[in-house]
Amino acid sequence: MALYVMLNNVAHKEMRVITRYSAEFGDNVATAMVVPTEFVHVQREYPIFFRKDPASGEFMAVVLLGLQKDENLFLDEKGWNADYVPGVIARGPFFIGFQRREGEGTFETTAVIHVDTEHPRLSRTEGEPLFQAQGKNTPYLDRMADLLDGINKGMEIRKPMFEAFAAADLIEPVKLEVKVNSEEQYNLTGLHTISWEKLNKLDADTLFKLHRAGYLQGAFLVASSLGNVQRLIDLKNKRRLQTAMAS
């Protein structure tokens, strides 16, 4: 069970983080949430889809990493086989929390790094240290801070961006039927994507509004990322062949 506490250079001065990727750290997942601030990176590697939260009815964006439960085709014995790792996975045990401080008659909310002290990546003997001897952040922790800041900003613009896509009638459901070979096929449901046809037929006013809001590029990135489904098929066939040769 996760136990989140505010990170500090006294209580956690000896804390280290194991940065390799492995199923033992929970990396063997078929999907991962992504945010708009990383679309430009993830669309080069993974297909991006939308899923609707059954509780809130809001859309969230995910990348497809595998074709069945607990399958990450980008994960092998050497680690993560891609140039970019989705932020929610790369952040490891860290997340952004908020601290409310009272000032001169006002309250100020600031973003601060929290750490899951029960996370399996944490160690005192292995991995990247978080703090230098004098208590300053290590370059690794600074990178994590930048990553968390990007995720936080992406979370802030996610809702209005996806609502704008829905208002423009760009989001449509898709039943993904992936035929790996003559004997193996996967039918993935509950996914949505950006319609190329509707995107190309947007009227000038809607096109301008999406562009002015900074959302138009995101729509094109999601739509163009679907070409990466073929990469999943190739990785699946490669793994199938490796398994057959090993048996």
Protein backbone atom coordinates (compact mmCIF):
# COMPACT_ATOMS: atom_id res chain seq x y z
CA MET A 1 0.00 0.00 0.00
CA ALA A 2 1.30 3.44 -0.96
CA LEU A 3 2.39 5.77 1.83
CA TYR A 4 3.01 9.30 0.54
CA VAL A 5 5.01 11.81 2.55
CA MET A 6 6.60 15.14 1.71
CA LEU A 7 10.17 14.68 0.51
CA ASN A 8 12.87 16.40 2.52
CA ASN A 9 16.67 16.26 2.69
CA VAL A 10 16.81 15.26 6.36
CA ALA A 11 14.49 12.28 6.70
CA HIS A 12 15.34 11.06 3.20
CA LYS A 13 19.01 12.00 2.94
CA GLU A 14 20.09 8.39 2.31
CA MET A 15 17.23 7.50 0.00
CA ARG A 16 18.06 6.16 -3.47
CA VAL A 17 15.88 5.21 -6.44
CA ILE A 18 16.42 2.17 -8.65
CA THR A 19 15.90 3.52 -12.15
CA ARG A 20 15.88 0.36 -14.26
CA TYR A 21 12.57 -0.87 -15.64
CA SER A 22 11.28 -4.32 -14.82
CA ALA A 23 8.10 -6.26 -14.13
CA GLU A 24 9.16 -6.45 -10.46
CA PHE A 25 8.51 -2.70 -10.21
CA GLY A 26 5.06 -2.90 -11.81
CA ASP A 27 6.19 -1.83 -15.28
CA ASN A 28 4.54 -4.75 -17.07
CA VAL A 29 1.33 -2.84 -17.89
CA ALA A 30 -0.66 -2.76 -21.12
CA THR A 31 -1.62 0.92 -20.90
CA ALA A 32 -0.31 4.07 -19.22
CA MET A 33 -1.94 7.44 -18.73
CA VAL A 34 -0.36 10.34 -20.60
CA VAL A 35 -0.95 14.09 -20.54
CA PRO A 36 -1.00 16.64 -23.39
CA THR A 37 2.39 18.13 -22.48
CA GLU A 38 4.06 14.85 -23.52
CA PHE A 39 2.00 14.08 -26.64
CA VAL A 40 4.82 15.30 -28.90
CA HIS A 41 7.13 12.70 -27.36
CA VAL A 42 4.81 9.72 -26.95
CA GLN A 43 3.31 9.94 -30.44
CA ARG A 44 6.71 9.00 -31.89
CA GLU A 45 6.64 5.68 -30.02
CA TYR A 46 3.13 4.65 -28.98
CA PRO A 47 -0.48 4.84 -30.17
CA ILE A 48 -2.49 7.35 -28.11
CA PHE A 49 -6.15 6.72 -27.31
CA PHE A 50 -8.83 8.22 -25.10
CA ARG A 51 -10.75 6.34 -22.45
CA LYS A 52 -13.80 7.61 -20.60
CA ASP A 53 -13.72 7.55 -16.81
CA PRO A 54 -16.86 5.59 -15.82
CA ALA A 55 -17.25 7.61 -12.63
CA SER A 56 -16.83 11.17 -13.94
CA GLY A 57 -17.58 10.65 -17.62
CA GLU A 58 -14.44 12.63 -18.48
CA PHE A 59 -11.91 11.54 -21.07
CA MET A 60 -8.35 10.64 -20.20
CA ALA A 61 -5.52 9.86 -22.63
CA VAL A 62 -3.61 6.59 -22.54
CA VAL A 63 -0.89 4.97 -24.59
CA LEU A 64 -1.16 1.34 -25.62
CA LEU A 65 1.89 -0.67 -24.54
CA GLY A 66 0.55 -4.19 -25.03
CA LEU A 67 -2.35 -6.12 -26.52
CA GLN A 68 -3.42 -8.07 -23.43
CA LYS A 69 -3.51 -7.66 -19.68
CA ASP A 70 -0.16 -7.25 -17.93
CA GLU A 71 1.72 -7.12 -21.23
CA ASN A 72 4.23 -4.38 -22.00
CA LEU A 73 5.79 -5.10 -25.38
CA PHE A 74 8.34 -2.33 -24.83
CA LEU A 75 9.71 -4.07 -21.75
CA ASP A 76 12.32 -6.80 -22.16
CA GLU A 77 15.21 -8.29 -20.22
CA LYS A 78 17.33 -5.23 -21.01
CA GLY A 79 14.77 -2.74 -19.76
CA TRP A 80 12.50 -0.32 -21.58
CA ASN A 81 12.92 -0.65 -25.33
CA ALA A 82 11.92 2.87 -26.43
CA ASP A 83 13.46 6.34 -26.44
CA TYR A 84 10.71 7.89 -24.32
CA VAL A 85 9.07 6.44 -21.22
CA PRO A 86 5.61 7.82 -20.29
CA GLY A 87 5.88 10.30 -17.44
CA VAL A 88 3.62 8.46 -14.98
CA ILE A 89 5.99 5.49 -15.20
CA ALA A 90 9.26 7.42 -15.41
CA ARG A 91 8.41 9.38 -12.24
CA GLY A 92 8.76 6.23 -10.15
CA PRO A 93 7.85 6.82 -6.49
CA PHE A 94 7.30 10.59 -6.82
CA PHE A 95 4.26 12.76 -7.33
CA ILE A 96 3.31 16.40 -6.90
CA GLY A 97 1.43 17.32 -3.75
CA PHE A 98 0.33 20.71 -2.49
CA GLN A 99 1.18 22.50 0.71
CA ARG A 100 -0.96 25.29 2.10
CA ARG A 101 0.91 27.98 3.99
CA GLU A 102 -0.46 30.96 5.82
CA GLY A 103 1.18 34.28 4.96
CA GLU A 104 0.32 37.84 5.85
CA GLY A 105 -3.41 37.41 6.14
CA THR A 106 -3.54 35.09 3.12
CA PHE A 107 -3.06 31.44 2.33
CA GLU A 108 -0.61 30.34 -0.33
CA THR A 109 -0.67 26.93 -2.00
CA THR A 110 2.63 25.65 -3.33
CA ALA A 111 3.50 22.46 -5.22
CA VAL A 112 5.93 20.16 -3.41
CA ILE A 113 7.39 16.75 -4.19
CA HIS A 114 6.01 13.77 -2.29
CA VAL A 115 7.42 10.25 -2.24
CA ASP A 116 5.78 6.87 -1.74
CA THR A 117 7.95 5.40 1.02
CA GLU A 118 6.58 1.91 0.29
CA HIS A 119 7.57 1.97 -3.39
CA PRO A 120 9.68 -1.03 -4.52
CA ARG A 121 12.15 1.23 -6.37
CA LEU A 122 13.39 2.81 -3.15
CA SER A 123 16.68 1.62 -1.69
CA ARG A 124 19.47 2.74 0.62
CA THR A 125 22.19 0.83 -1.21
CA GLU A 126 21.28 0.82 -4.93
CA GLY A 127 20.24 3.40 -7.48
CA GLU A 128 20.34 7.16 -7.89
CA PRO A 129 20.75 9.27 -4.73
CA LEU A 130 18.30 12.11 -4.18
CA PHE A 131 20.46 14.46 -2.16
CA GLN A 132 24.10 15.48 -2.15
CA ALA A 133 26.19 15.46 1.04
CA GLN A 134 25.39 19.12 1.74
CA GLY A 135 21.65 18.50 1.32
CA LYS A 136 21.26 19.93 -2.18
CA ASN A 137 19.25 18.10 -4.82
CA THR A 138 21.15 15.74 -7.06
CA PRO A 139 20.80 16.18 -10.85
CA TYR A 140 18.54 13.11 -10.82
CA LEU A 141 16.09 14.70 -8.38
CA ASP A 142 16.12 17.93 -10.38
CA ARG A 143 15.16 15.91 -13.48
CA MET A 144 12.33 14.31 -11.53
CA ALA A 145 11.15 17.75 -10.40
CA ASP A 146 11.03 18.93 -14.02
CA LEU A 147 9.19 15.77 -15.05
CA LEU A 148 6.62 16.19 -12.28
CA ASP A 149 6.13 19.83 -13.22
CA GLY A 150 5.41 18.79 -16.80
CA ILE A 151 2.89 16.17 -15.66
CA ASN A 152 1.22 18.70 -13.37
CA LYS A 153 0.87 21.25 -16.17
CA GLY A 154 -0.46 18.55 -18.45
CA MET A 155 -3.10 17.58 -15.89
CA GLU A 156 -4.23 21.19 -15.71
CA ILE A 157 -4.84 21.54 -19.44
CA ARG A 158 -6.14 18.00 -19.99
CA LYS A 159 -9.76 18.63 -19.06
CA PRO A 160 -10.35 21.82 -21.11
CA MET A 161 -8.46 20.38 -24.09
CA PHE A 162 -10.43 17.14 -24.21
CA GLU A 163 -13.69 19.00 -23.64
CA ALA A 164 -12.81 21.21 -26.62
CA PHE A 165 -12.18 18.10 -28.74
CA ALA A 166 -15.55 16.66 -27.68
CA ALA A 167 -17.35 19.96 -28.35
CA ALA A 168 -15.88 19.96 -31.86
CA ASP A 169 -17.13 16.38 -32.29
CA LEU A 170 -13.58 15.15 -32.95
CA ILE A 171 -13.55 12.23 -30.49
CA GLU A 172 -15.06 9.01 -31.75
CA PRO A 173 -15.12 5.43 -30.41
CA VAL A 174 -12.96 2.87 -32.12
CA LYS A 175 -12.97 -0.91 -31.87
CA LEU A 176 -9.40 -1.94 -32.40
CA GLU A 177 -9.11 -5.32 -34.08
CA VAL A 178 -5.45 -6.25 -34.17
CA LYS A 179 -4.57 -9.31 -36.23
CA VAL A 180 -1.06 -10.37 -35.30
CA ASN A 181 -1.05 -13.43 -37.55
CA SER A 182 -3.46 -16.02 -38.99
CA GLU A 183 -3.97 -17.57 -35.56
CA GLU A 184 -3.79 -14.62 -33.18
CA GLN A 185 -6.15 -11.64 -33.03
CA TYR A 186 -7.02 -9.15 -30.27
CA ASN A 187 -10.21 -7.09 -30.06
CA LEU A 188 -9.74 -4.02 -27.86
CA THR A 189 -12.81 -2.06 -26.79
CA GLY A 190 -13.52 1.08 -24.78
CA LEU A 191 -11.06 3.14 -26.80
CA HIS A 192 -11.63 6.48 -28.54
CA THR A 193 -9.54 8.43 -30.99
CA ILE A 194 -9.48 11.66 -32.99
CA SER A 195 -11.32 11.34 -36.29
CA TRP A 196 -9.04 12.29 -39.20
CA GLU A 197 -12.10 12.89 -41.38
CA LYS A 198 -13.75 15.31 -38.94
CA LEU A 199 -10.42 16.98 -38.17
CA ASN A 200 -9.86 17.70 -41.86
CA LYS A 201 -13.40 19.04 -42.25
CA LEU A 202 -13.37 21.49 -39.33
CA ASP A 203 -14.90 24.86 -40.16
CA ALA A 204 -12.66 27.93 -40.04
CA ASP A 205 -14.08 29.25 -36.77
CA THR A 206 -13.61 25.98 -34.84
CA LEU A 207 -10.17 25.53 -36.37
CA PHE A 208 -9.14 29.00 -35.23
CA LYS A 209 -10.51 28.49 -31.71
CA LEU A 210 -8.62 25.21 -31.25
CA HIS A 211 -5.43 26.75 -32.61
CA ARG A 212 -5.73 29.87 -30.45
CA ALA A 213 -6.26 27.72 -27.34
CA GLY A 214 -3.15 25.68 -28.19
CA TYR A 215 -5.13 22.46 -28.66
CA LEU A 216 -4.97 21.89 -32.41
CA GLN A 217 -1.50 20.35 -32.43
CA GLY A 218 -2.58 17.87 -29.76
CA ALA A 219 -5.45 16.67 -31.94
CA PHE A 220 -3.11 16.03 -34.88
CA LEU A 221 -0.58 14.27 -32.64
CA VAL A 222 -3.21 11.87 -31.29
CA ALA A 223 -4.55 11.11 -34.77
CA SER A 224 -1.11 10.55 -36.28
CA SER A 225 0.01 8.30 -33.41
CA LEU A 226 -2.30 5.49 -34.55
CA GLY A 227 0.34 4.43 -37.04
CA ASN A 228 2.24 3.03 -34.06
CA VAL A 229 -0.26 0.17 -33.73
CA GLN A 230 1.81 -1.56 -36.41
CA ARG A 231 4.84 -1.27 -34.15
CA LEU A 232 2.93 -3.17 -31.45
CA ILE A 233 2.16 -5.93 -33.95
CA ASP A 234 5.82 -6.12 -34.94
CA LEU A 235 6.91 -6.29 -31.30
CA LYS A 236 4.30 -8.96 -30.58
CA ASN A 237 5.51 -11.11 -33.45
CA LYS A 238 9.13 -10.61 -32.39
CA ARG A 239 8.34 -11.73 -28.85
CA ARG A 240 6.34 -14.69 -30.12
CA LEU A 241 9.30 -15.78 -32.25
CA GLN A 242 11.74 -15.37 -29.37
CA THR A 243 9.50 -17.47 -27.11
CA ALA A 244 9.22 -20.20 -29.76
CA MET A 245 13.00 -20.29 -30.25
CA ALA A 246 13.63 -20.49 -26.50
CA SER A 247 11.25 -23.42 -25.98
